[in-house]
């Protein structure tokens, strides 16, 4: 008979561990325990992804980061020019 081996634990051991967990926490608290564990794992995953993204940003060459900033500044300048033109038309009563 082949049993499920998980770190040297067979099926009877896993059933015993599950029974002890149910006795310790109670059946009503198990869903809350699982929900809390799921939230903790999602937070952990998000934080590790954030750290990886920061590492990627640090690896970018200085020239590429400068070019990205210049492009953003050009976009902001264009939007500001549009707003200034619209404000001028408003003052002249054209709108």
PDB file of N, CA and C in Angstrom:
ATOM      1  N   UNK A   1       0.850  -1.190   0.000  1.00  0.00           N
ATOM      2  CA  UNK A   1       0.000   0.000   0.000  1.00  0.00           C
ATOM      3  C   UNK A   1       0.889   1.244   0.000  1.00  0.00           C
ATOM      4  N   UNK A   2       0.643   2.130  -0.942  1.00  0.00           N
ATOM      5  CA  UNK A   2       1.421   3.360  -1.002  1.00  0.00           C
ATOM      6  C   UNK A   2       0.670   4.443  -0.254  1.00  0.00           C
ATOM      7  N   UNK A   3       1.379   5.152   0.536  1.00  0.00           N
ATOM      8  CA  UNK A   3       0.748   6.233   1.295  1.00  0.00           C
ATOM      9  C   UNK A   3       1.307   7.561   0.831  1.00  0.00           C
ATOM     10  N   UNK A   4       0.557   8.572   1.081  1.00  0.00           N
ATOM     11  CA  UNK A   4       0.980   9.922   0.743  1.00  0.00           C
ATOM     12  C   UNK A   4       2.120  10.311   1.658  1.00  0.00           C
ATOM     13  N   UNK A   5       3.256  10.595   1.067  1.00  0.00           N
ATOM     14  CA  UNK A   5       4.411  10.987   1.874  1.00  0.00           C
ATOM     15  C   UNK A   5       4.635  12.483   1.727  1.00  0.00           C
ATOM     16  N   UNK A   6       4.632  13.146   2.834  1.00  0.00           N
ATOM     17  CA  UNK A   6       4.867  14.583   2.856  1.00  0.00           C
ATOM     18  C   UNK A   6       5.879  14.846   3.947  1.00  0.00           C
ATOM     19  N   UNK A   7       7.138  14.932   3.565  1.00  0.00           N
ATOM     20  CA  UNK A   7       8.192  15.150   4.551  1.00  0.00           C
ATOM     21  C   UNK A   7       8.336  13.979   5.505  1.00  0.00           C
ATOM     22  N   UNK A   8       8.108  12.774   5.013  1.00  0.00           N
ATOM     23  CA  UNK A   8       8.233  11.597   5.859  1.00  0.00           C
ATOM     24  C   UNK A   8       6.977  11.286   6.646  1.00  0.00           C
ATOM     25  N   UNK A   9       5.925  12.041   6.435  1.00  0.00           N
ATOM     26  CA  UNK A   9       4.664  11.807   7.131  1.00  0.00           C
ATOM     27  C   UNK A   9       3.736  11.012   6.226  1.00  0.00           C
ATOM     28  N   UNK A  10       3.159   9.977   6.767  1.00  0.00           N
ATOM     29  CA  UNK A  10       2.204   9.189   6.005  1.00  0.00           C
ATOM     30  C   UNK A  10       0.794   9.670   6.244  1.00  0.00           C
ATOM     31  N   UNK A  11      -0.157   8.963   5.667  1.00  0.00           N
ATOM     32  CA  UNK A  11      -1.563   9.321   5.793  1.00  0.00           C
ATOM     33  C   UNK A  11      -2.050   9.269   7.242  1.00  0.00           C
ATOM     34  N   UNK A  12      -1.722   8.225   8.017  1.00  0.00           N
ATOM     35  CA  UNK A  12      -2.206   8.202   9.407  1.00  0.00           C
ATOM     36  C   UNK A  12      -1.683   9.378  10.236  1.00  0.00           C
ATOM     37  N   UNK A  13      -0.451   9.770  10.004  1.00  0.00           N
ATOM     38  CA  UNK A  13       0.110  10.895  10.755  1.00  0.00           C
ATOM     39  C   UNK A  13      -0.592  12.200  10.409  1.00  0.00           C
ATOM     40  N   UNK A  14      -0.871  12.372   9.103  1.00  0.00           N
ATOM     41  CA  UNK A  14      -1.559  13.594   8.676  1.00  0.00           C
ATOM     42  C   UNK A  14      -2.973  13.663   9.243  1.00  0.00           C
ATOM     43  N   UNK A  15      -3.660  12.525   9.293  1.00  0.00           N
ATOM     44  CA  UNK A  15      -5.003  12.486   9.880  1.00  0.00           C
ATOM     45  C   UNK A  15      -4.942  12.826  11.364  1.00  0.00           C
ATOM     46  N   UNK A  16      -3.934  12.315  12.055  1.00  0.00           N
ATOM     47  CA  UNK A  16      -3.771  12.606  13.477  1.00  0.00           C
ATOM     48  C   UNK A  16      -3.496  14.095  13.701  1.00  0.00           C
ATOM     49  N   UNK A  17      -2.643  14.678  12.875  1.00  0.00           N
ATOM     50  CA  UNK A  17      -2.336  16.112  12.990  1.00  0.00           C
ATOM     51  C   UNK A  17      -3.597  16.943  12.738  1.00  0.00           C
ATOM     52  N   UNK A  18      -4.381  16.569  11.724  1.00  0.00           N
ATOM     53  CA  UNK A  18      -5.623  17.283  11.425  1.00  0.00           C
ATOM     54  C   UNK A  18      -6.594  17.192  12.600  1.00  0.00           C
ATOM     55  N   UNK A  19      -6.696  16.019  13.211  1.00  0.00           N
ATOM     56  CA  UNK A  19      -7.586  15.845  14.359  1.00  0.00           C
ATOM     57  C   UNK A  19      -7.144  16.722  15.526  1.00  0.00           C
ATOM     58  N   UNK A  20      -5.856  16.814  15.767  1.00  0.00           N
ATOM     59  CA  UNK A  20      -5.336  17.645  16.859  1.00  0.00           C
ATOM     60  C   UNK A  20      -5.628  19.123  16.580  1.00  0.00           C
ATOM     61  N   UNK A  21      -5.464  19.549  15.340  1.00  0.00           N
ATOM     62  CA  UNK A  21      -5.738  20.944  14.979  1.00  0.00           C
ATOM     63  C   UNK A  21      -7.212  21.265  15.207  1.00  0.00           C
ATOM     64  N   UNK A  22      -8.095  20.355  14.806  1.00  0.00           N
ATOM     65  CA  UNK A  22      -9.528  20.581  15.010  1.00  0.00           C
ATOM     66  C   UNK A  22      -9.845  20.658  16.498  1.00  0.00           C
ATOM     67  N   UNK A  23      -9.224  19.796  17.301  1.00  0.00           N
ATOM     68  CA  UNK A  23      -9.467  19.830  18.740  1.00  0.00           C
ATOM     69  C   UNK A  23      -8.944  21.115  19.382  1.00  0.00           C
ATOM     70  N   UNK A  24      -7.775  21.574  18.934  1.00  0.00           N
ATOM     71  CA  UNK A  24      -7.182  22.772  19.521  1.00  0.00           C
ATOM     72  C   UNK A  24      -7.951  24.039  19.160  1.00  0.00           C
ATOM     73  N   UNK A  25      -8.276  24.193  17.895  1.00  0.00           N
ATOM     74  CA  UNK A  25      -8.879  25.434  17.440  1.00  0.00           C
ATOM     75  C   UNK A  25     -10.398  25.370  17.371  1.00  0.00           C
ATOM     76  N   UNK A  26     -10.946  24.212  17.296  1.00  0.00           N
ATOM     77  CA  UNK A  26     -12.389  24.082  17.146  1.00  0.00           C
ATOM     78  C   UNK A  26     -12.779  24.222  15.692  1.00  0.00           C
ATOM     79  N   UNK A  27     -13.776  23.504  15.300  1.00  0.00           N
ATOM     80  CA  UNK A  27     -14.189  23.497  13.897  1.00  0.00           C
ATOM     81  C   UNK A  27     -14.696  24.859  13.447  1.00  0.00           C
ATOM     82  N   UNK A  28     -15.271  25.630  14.355  1.00  0.00           N
ATOM     83  CA  UNK A  28     -15.830  26.926  13.957  1.00  0.00           C
ATOM     84  C   UNK A  28     -14.749  27.964  13.663  1.00  0.00           C
ATOM     85  N   UNK A  29     -13.565  27.810  14.252  1.00  0.00           N
ATOM     86  CA  UNK A  29     -12.509  28.798  14.039  1.00  0.00           C
ATOM     87  C   UNK A  29     -11.596  28.456  12.871  1.00  0.00           C
ATOM     88  N   UNK A  30     -11.717  27.261  12.323  1.00  0.00           N
ATOM     89  CA  UNK A  30     -10.848  26.881  11.205  1.00  0.00           C
ATOM     90  C   UNK A  30     -11.037  27.760   9.971  1.00  0.00           C
ATOM     91  N   UNK A  31     -12.265  28.117   9.578  1.00  0.00           N
ATOM     92  CA  UNK A  31     -12.404  29.016   8.416  1.00  0.00           C
ATOM     93  C   UNK A  31     -11.741  30.379   8.648  1.00  0.00           C
ATOM     94  N   UNK A  32     -11.866  30.905   9.865  1.00  0.00           N
ATOM     95  CA  UNK A  32     -11.215  32.183  10.178  1.00  0.00           C
ATOM     96  C   UNK A  32      -9.701  32.055  10.113  1.00  0.00           C
ATOM     97  N   UNK A  33      -9.197  30.934  10.602  1.00  0.00           N
ATOM     98  CA  UNK A  33      -7.756  30.688  10.561  1.00  0.00           C
ATOM     99  C   UNK A  33      -7.266  30.600   9.118  1.00  0.00           C
ATOM    100  N   UNK A  34      -8.023  29.896   8.280  1.00  0.00           N
ATOM    101  CA  UNK A  34      -7.654  29.766   6.867  1.00  0.00           C
ATOM    102  C   UNK A  34      -7.741  31.120   6.161  1.00  0.00           C
ATOM    103  N   UNK A  35      -8.769  31.903   6.467  1.00  0.00           N
ATOM    104  CA  UNK A  35      -8.936  33.217   5.848  1.00  0.00           C
ATOM    105  C   UNK A  35      -7.779  34.139   6.222  1.00  0.00           C
ATOM    106  N   UNK A  36      -7.401  34.121   7.501  1.00  0.00           N
ATOM    107  CA  UNK A  36      -6.280  34.941   7.953  1.00  0.00           C
ATOM    108  C   UNK A  36      -4.972  34.525   7.312  1.00  0.00           C
ATOM    109  N   UNK A  37      -4.792  33.223   7.150  1.00  0.00           N
ATOM    110  CA  UNK A  37      -3.577  32.730   6.493  1.00  0.00           C
ATOM    111  C   UNK A  37      -3.543  33.179   5.039  1.00  0.00           C
ATOM    112  N   UNK A  38      -4.699  33.129   4.374  1.00  0.00           N
ATOM    113  CA  UNK A  38      -4.763  33.563   2.975  1.00  0.00           C
ATOM    114  C   UNK A  38      -4.434  35.037   2.828  1.00  0.00           C
ATOM    115  N   UNK A  39      -4.954  35.855   3.737  1.00  0.00           N
ATOM    116  CA  UNK A  39      -4.646  37.291   3.688  1.00  0.00           C
ATOM    117  C   UNK A  39      -3.170  37.542   3.910  1.00  0.00           C
ATOM    118  N   UNK A  40      -2.594  36.818   4.871  1.00  0.00           N
ATOM    119  CA  UNK A  40      -1.170  36.997   5.149  1.00  0.00           C
ATOM    120  C   UNK A  40      -0.332  36.610   3.936  1.00  0.00           C
ATOM    121  N   UNK A  41      -0.721  35.533   3.252  1.00  0.00           N
ATOM    122  CA  UNK A  41       0.023  35.125   2.060  1.00  0.00           C
ATOM    123  C   UNK A  41      -0.109  36.148   0.936  1.00  0.00           C
ATOM    124  N   UNK A  42      -1.317  36.736   0.765  1.00  0.00           N
ATOM    125  CA  UNK A  42      -1.482  37.762  -0.273  1.00  0.00           C
ATOM    126  C   UNK A  42      -0.633  38.991   0.023  1.00  0.00           C
ATOM    127  N   UNK A  43      -0.590  39.400   1.274  1.00  0.00           N
ATOM    128  CA  UNK A  43       0.220  40.557   1.654  1.00  0.00           C
ATOM    129  C   UNK A  43       1.697  40.260   1.421  1.00  0.00           C
ATOM    130  N   UNK A  44       2.118  39.066   1.819  1.00  0.00           N
ATOM    131  CA  UNK A  44       3.515  38.670   1.624  1.00  0.00           C
ATOM    132  C   UNK A  44       3.871  38.676   0.142  1.00  0.00           C
ATOM    133  N   UNK A  45       2.983  38.145  -0.693  1.00  0.00           N
ATOM    134  CA  UNK A  45       3.225  38.101  -2.138  1.00  0.00           C
ATOM    135  C   UNK A  45       3.335  39.514  -2.714  1.00  0.00           C
ATOM    136  N   UNK A  46       2.444  40.405  -2.278  1.00  0.00           N
ATOM    137  CA  UNK A  46       2.475  41.778  -2.774  1.00  0.00           C
ATOM    138  C   UNK A  46       3.763  42.488  -2.368  1.00  0.00           C
ATOM    139  N   UNK A  47       4.192  42.259  -1.125  1.00  0.00           N
ATOM    140  CA  UNK A  47       5.427  42.897  -0.651  1.00  0.00           C
ATOM    141  C   UNK A  47       6.648  42.377  -1.399  1.00  0.00           C
ATOM    142  N   UNK A  48       6.714  41.071  -1.637  1.00  0.00           N
ATOM    143  CA  UNK A  48       7.870  40.538  -2.369  1.00  0.00           C
ATOM    144  C   UNK A  48       7.866  41.032  -3.804  1.00  0.00           C
ATOM    145  N   UNK A  49       6.670  41.170  -4.414  1.00  0.00           N
ATOM    146  CA  UNK A  49       6.605  41.700  -5.778  1.00  0.00           C
ATOM    147  C   UNK A  49       7.086  43.151  -5.794  1.00  0.00           C
ATOM    148  N   UNK A  50       6.721  43.919  -4.758  1.00  0.00           N
ATOM    149  CA  UNK A  50       7.187  45.298  -4.664  1.00  0.00           C
ATOM    150  C   UNK A  50       8.690  45.392  -4.550  1.00  0.00           C
ATOM    151  N   UNK A  51       9.292  44.487  -3.774  1.00  0.00           N
ATOM    152  CA  UNK A  51      10.750  44.483  -3.646  1.00  0.00           C
ATOM    153  C   UNK A  51      11.420  44.128  -4.960  1.00  0.00           C
ATOM    154  N   UNK A  52      10.842  43.175  -5.692  1.00  0.00           N
ATOM    155  CA  UNK A  52      11.416  42.782  -6.983  1.00  0.00           C
ATOM    156  C   UNK A  52      11.323  43.943  -7.964  1.00  0.00           C
ATOM    157  N   UNK A  53      10.172  44.656  -7.960  1.00  0.00           N
ATOM    158  CA  UNK A  53      10.019  45.808  -8.849  1.00  0.00           C
ATOM    159  C   UNK A  53      11.035  46.901  -8.518  1.00  0.00           C
ATOM    160  N   UNK A  54      11.305  47.110  -7.225  1.00  0.00           N
ATOM    161  CA  UNK A  54      12.298  48.110  -6.830  1.00  0.00           C
ATOM    162  C   UNK A  54      13.684  47.709  -7.312  1.00  0.00           C
ATOM    163  N   UNK A  55      14.007  46.425  -7.230  1.00  0.00           N
ATOM    164  CA  UNK A  55      15.300  45.954  -7.708  1.00  0.00           C
ATOM    165  C   UNK A  55      15.431  46.181  -9.206  1.00  0.00           C
ATOM    166  N   UNK A  56      14.342  45.928  -9.962  1.00  0.00           N
ATOM    167  CA  UNK A  56      14.375  46.142 -11.405  1.00  0.00           C
ATOM    168  C   UNK A  56      14.591  47.616 -11.730  1.00  0.00           C
ATOM    169  N   UNK A  57      13.957  48.491 -10.946  1.00  0.00           N
ATOM    170  CA  UNK A  57      14.102  49.929 -11.186  1.00  0.00           C
ATOM    171  C   UNK A  57      15.542  50.375 -10.922  1.00  0.00           C
ATOM    172  N   UNK A  58      16.181  49.778  -9.922  1.00  0.00           N
ATOM    173  CA  UNK A  58      17.557  50.153  -9.607  1.00  0.00           C
ATOM    174  C   UNK A  58      18.529  49.667 -10.680  1.00  0.00           C
ATOM    175  N   UNK A  59      18.173  48.629 -11.407  1.00  0.00           N
ATOM    176  CA  UNK A  59      19.053  48.073 -12.430  1.00  0.00           C
ATOM    177  C   UNK A  59      19.007  48.859 -13.730  1.00  0.00           C
ATOM    178  N   UNK A  60      18.006  49.733 -13.900  1.00  0.00           N
ATOM    179  CA  UNK A  60      17.917  50.512 -15.126  1.00  0.00           C
ATOM    180  C   UNK A  60      19.109  51.451 -15.215  1.00  0.00           C
ATOM    181  N   UNK A  61      19.636  51.596 -16.402  1.00  0.00           N
ATOM    182  CA  UNK A  61      20.747  52.544 -16.567  1.00  0.00           C
ATOM    183  C   UNK A  61      20.276  53.979 -16.322  1.00  0.00           C
ATOM    184  N   UNK A  62      21.201  54.784 -15.899  1.00  0.00           N
ATOM    185  CA  UNK A  62      20.897  56.181 -15.578  1.00  0.00           C
ATOM    186  C   UNK A  62      20.336  56.914 -16.788  1.00  0.00           C
ATOM    187  N   UNK A  63      20.844  56.628 -17.968  1.00  0.00           N
ATOM    188  CA  UNK A  63      20.377  57.300 -19.184  1.00  0.00           C
ATOM    189  C   UNK A  63      18.905  56.976 -19.444  1.00  0.00           C
ATOM    190  N   UNK A  64      18.502  55.720 -19.199  1.00  0.00           N
ATOM    191  CA  UNK A  64      17.118  55.336 -19.434  1.00  0.00           C
ATOM    192  C   UNK A  64      16.193  56.027 -18.441  1.00  0.00           C
ATOM    193  N   UNK A  65      16.611  56.102 -17.177  1.00  0.00           N
ATOM    194  CA  UNK A  65      15.798  56.791 -16.179  1.00  0.00           C
ATOM    195  C   UNK A  65      15.668  58.267 -16.517  1.00  0.00           C
ATOM    196  N   UNK A  66      16.760  58.886 -16.987  1.00  0.00           N
ATOM    197  CA  UNK A  66      16.732  60.299 -17.364  1.00  0.00           C
ATOM    198  C   UNK A  66      15.790  60.513 -18.541  1.00  0.00           C
ATOM    199  N   UNK A  67      15.845  59.613 -19.531  1.00  0.00           N
ATOM    200  CA  UNK A  67      14.973  59.734 -20.699  1.00  0.00           C
ATOM    201  C   UNK A  67      13.506  59.616 -20.290  1.00  0.00           C
ATOM    202  N   UNK A  68      13.195  58.708 -19.371  1.00  0.00           N
ATOM    203  CA  UNK A  68      11.817  58.569 -18.902  1.00  0.00           C
ATOM    204  C   UNK A  68      11.342  59.835 -18.204  1.00  0.00           C
ATOM    205  N   UNK A  69      12.222  60.436 -17.396  1.00  0.00           N
ATOM    206  CA  UNK A  69      11.853  61.676 -16.712  1.00  0.00           C
ATOM    207  C   UNK A  69      11.653  62.826 -17.693  1.00  0.00           C
ATOM    208  N   UNK A  70      12.482  62.896 -18.717  1.00  0.00           N
ATOM    209  CA  UNK A  70      12.354  63.944 -19.723  1.00  0.00           C
ATOM    210  C   UNK A  70      11.035  63.789 -20.470  1.00  0.00           C
ATOM    211  N   UNK A  71      10.671  62.538 -20.800  1.00  0.00           N
ATOM    212  CA  UNK A  71       9.398  62.298 -21.493  1.00  0.00           C
ATOM    213  C   UNK A  71       8.216  62.699 -20.617  1.00  0.00           C
ATOM    214  N   UNK A  72       8.260  62.360 -19.339  1.00  0.00           N
ATOM    215  CA  UNK A  72       7.183  62.744 -18.429  1.00  0.00           C
ATOM    216  C   UNK A  72       7.074  64.260 -18.330  1.00  0.00           C
ATOM    217  N   UNK A  73       8.222  64.940 -18.247  1.00  0.00           N
ATOM    218  CA  UNK A  73       8.214  66.397 -18.160  1.00  0.00           C
ATOM    219  C   UNK A  73       7.635  67.010 -19.424  1.00  0.00           C
ATOM    220  N   UNK A  74       7.952  66.431 -20.593  1.00  0.00           N
ATOM    221  CA  UNK A  74       7.405  66.945 -21.846  1.00  0.00           C
ATOM    222  C   UNK A  74       5.892  66.781 -21.882  1.00  0.00           C
ATOM    223  N   UNK A  75       5.388  65.650 -21.391  1.00  0.00           N
ATOM    224  CA  UNK A  75       3.936  65.440 -21.335  1.00  0.00           C
ATOM    225  C   UNK A  75       3.279  66.461 -20.417  1.00  0.00           C
ATOM    226  N   UNK A  76       3.893  66.695 -19.262  1.00  0.00           N
ATOM    227  CA  UNK A  76       3.340  67.673 -18.321  1.00  0.00           C
ATOM    228  C   UNK A  76       3.353  69.077 -18.912  1.00  0.00           C
ATOM    229  N   UNK A  77       4.420  69.426 -19.615  1.00  0.00           N
ATOM    230  CA  UNK A  77       4.499  70.742 -20.238  1.00  0.00           C
ATOM    231  C   UNK A  77       3.415  70.910 -21.295  1.00  0.00           C
ATOM    232  N   UNK A  78       3.155  69.863 -22.079  1.00  0.00           N
ATOM    233  CA  UNK A  78       2.127  69.933 -23.116  1.00  0.00           C
ATOM    234  C   UNK A  78       0.753  70.112 -22.477  1.00  0.00           C
ATOM    235  N   UNK A  79       0.479  69.392 -21.411  1.00  0.00           N
ATOM    236  CA  UNK A  79      -0.807  69.537 -20.723  1.00  0.00           C
ATOM    237  C   UNK A  79      -0.944  70.937 -20.137  1.00  0.00           C
ATOM    238  N   UNK A  80       0.133  71.471 -19.584  1.00  0.00           N
ATOM    239  CA  UNK A  80       0.094  72.818 -19.015  1.00  0.00           C
ATOM    240  C   UNK A  80      -0.178  73.846 -20.102  1.00  0.00           C
ATOM    241  N   UNK A  81       0.409  73.657 -21.281  1.00  0.00           N
ATOM    242  CA  UNK A  81       0.177  74.585 -22.387  1.00  0.00           C
ATOM    243  C   UNK A  81      -1.288  74.545 -22.822  1.00  0.00           C
ATOM    244  N   UNK A  82      -1.880  73.351 -22.868  1.00  0.00           N
ATOM    245  CA  UNK A  82      -3.293  73.232 -23.216  1.00  0.00           C
ATOM    246  C   UNK A  82      -4.168  73.957 -22.196  1.00  0.00           C
ATOM    247  N   UNK A  83      -3.860  73.772 -20.921  1.00  0.00           N
ATOM    248  CA  UNK A  83      -4.631  74.440 -19.873  1.00  0.00           C
ATOM    249  C   UNK A  83      -4.491  75.951 -19.955  1.00  0.00           C
ATOM    250  N   UNK A  84      -3.271  76.423 -20.234  1.00  0.00           N
ATOM    251  CA  UNK A  84      -3.059  77.868 -20.360  1.00  0.00           C
ATOM    252  C   UNK A  84      -3.849  78.442 -21.531  1.00  0.00           C
ATOM    253  N   UNK A  85      -3.868  77.720 -22.664  1.00  0.00           N
ATOM    254  CA  UNK A  85      -4.610  78.191 -23.832  1.00  0.00           C
ATOM    255  C   UNK A  85      -6.111  78.225 -23.539  1.00  0.00           C
ATOM    256  N   UNK A  86      -6.605  77.203 -22.858  1.00  0.00           N
ATOM    257  CA  UNK A  86      -8.028  77.169 -22.511  1.00  0.00           C
ATOM    258  C   UNK A  86      -8.374  78.290 -21.537  1.00  0.00           C
ATOM    259  N   UNK A  87      -7.501  78.566 -20.586  1.00  0.00           N
ATOM    260  CA  UNK A  87      -7.728  79.646 -19.634  1.00  0.00           C
ATOM    261  C   UNK A  87      -7.765  80.991 -20.356  1.00  0.00           C
ATOM    262  N   UNK A  88      -6.882  81.169 -21.323  1.00  0.00           N
ATOM    263  CA  UNK A  88      -6.839  82.415 -22.091  1.00  0.00           C
ATOM    264  C   UNK A  88      -8.135  82.598 -22.891  1.00  0.00           C
ATOM    265  N   UNK A  89      -8.627  81.507 -23.515  1.00  0.00           N
ATOM    266  CA  UNK A  89      -9.884  81.597 -24.268  1.00  0.00           C
ATOM    267  C   UNK A  89     -11.047  81.925 -23.325  1.00  0.00           C
ATOM    268  N   UNK A  90     -11.018  81.372 -22.126  1.00  0.00           N
ATOM    269  CA  UNK A  90     -12.066  81.650 -21.157  1.00  0.00           C
ATOM    270  C   UNK A  90     -12.076  83.129 -20.779  1.00  0.00           C
ATOM    271  N   UNK A  91     -10.905  83.722 -20.583  1.00  0.00           N
ATOM    272  CA  UNK A  91     -10.808  85.137 -20.226  1.00  0.00           C
ATOM    273  C   UNK A  91     -11.270  86.043 -21.355  1.00  0.00           C
ATOM    274  N   UNK A  92     -11.063  85.589 -22.591  1.00  0.00           N
ATOM    275  CA  UNK A  92     -11.495  86.395 -23.729  1.00  0.00           C
ATOM    276  C   UNK A  92     -12.972  86.186 -24.040  1.00  0.00           C
ATOM    277  N   UNK A  93     -13.576  85.204 -23.378  1.00  0.00           N
ATOM    278  CA  UNK A  93     -15.002  84.953 -23.596  1.00  0.00           C
ATOM    279  C   UNK A  93     -15.284  84.113 -24.817  1.00  0.00           C
ATOM    280  N   UNK A  94     -14.329  83.380 -25.301  1.00  0.00           N
ATOM    281  CA  UNK A  94     -14.531  82.574 -26.500  1.00  0.00           C
ATOM    282  C   UNK A  94     -15.225  81.255 -26.209  1.00  0.00           C
ATOM    283  N   UNK A  95     -15.285  80.836 -24.971  1.00  0.00           N
ATOM    284  CA  UNK A  95     -15.933  79.556 -24.664  1.00  0.00           C
ATOM    285  C   UNK A  95     -17.326  79.738 -24.166  1.00  0.00           C
TER     286      UNK A  95
END
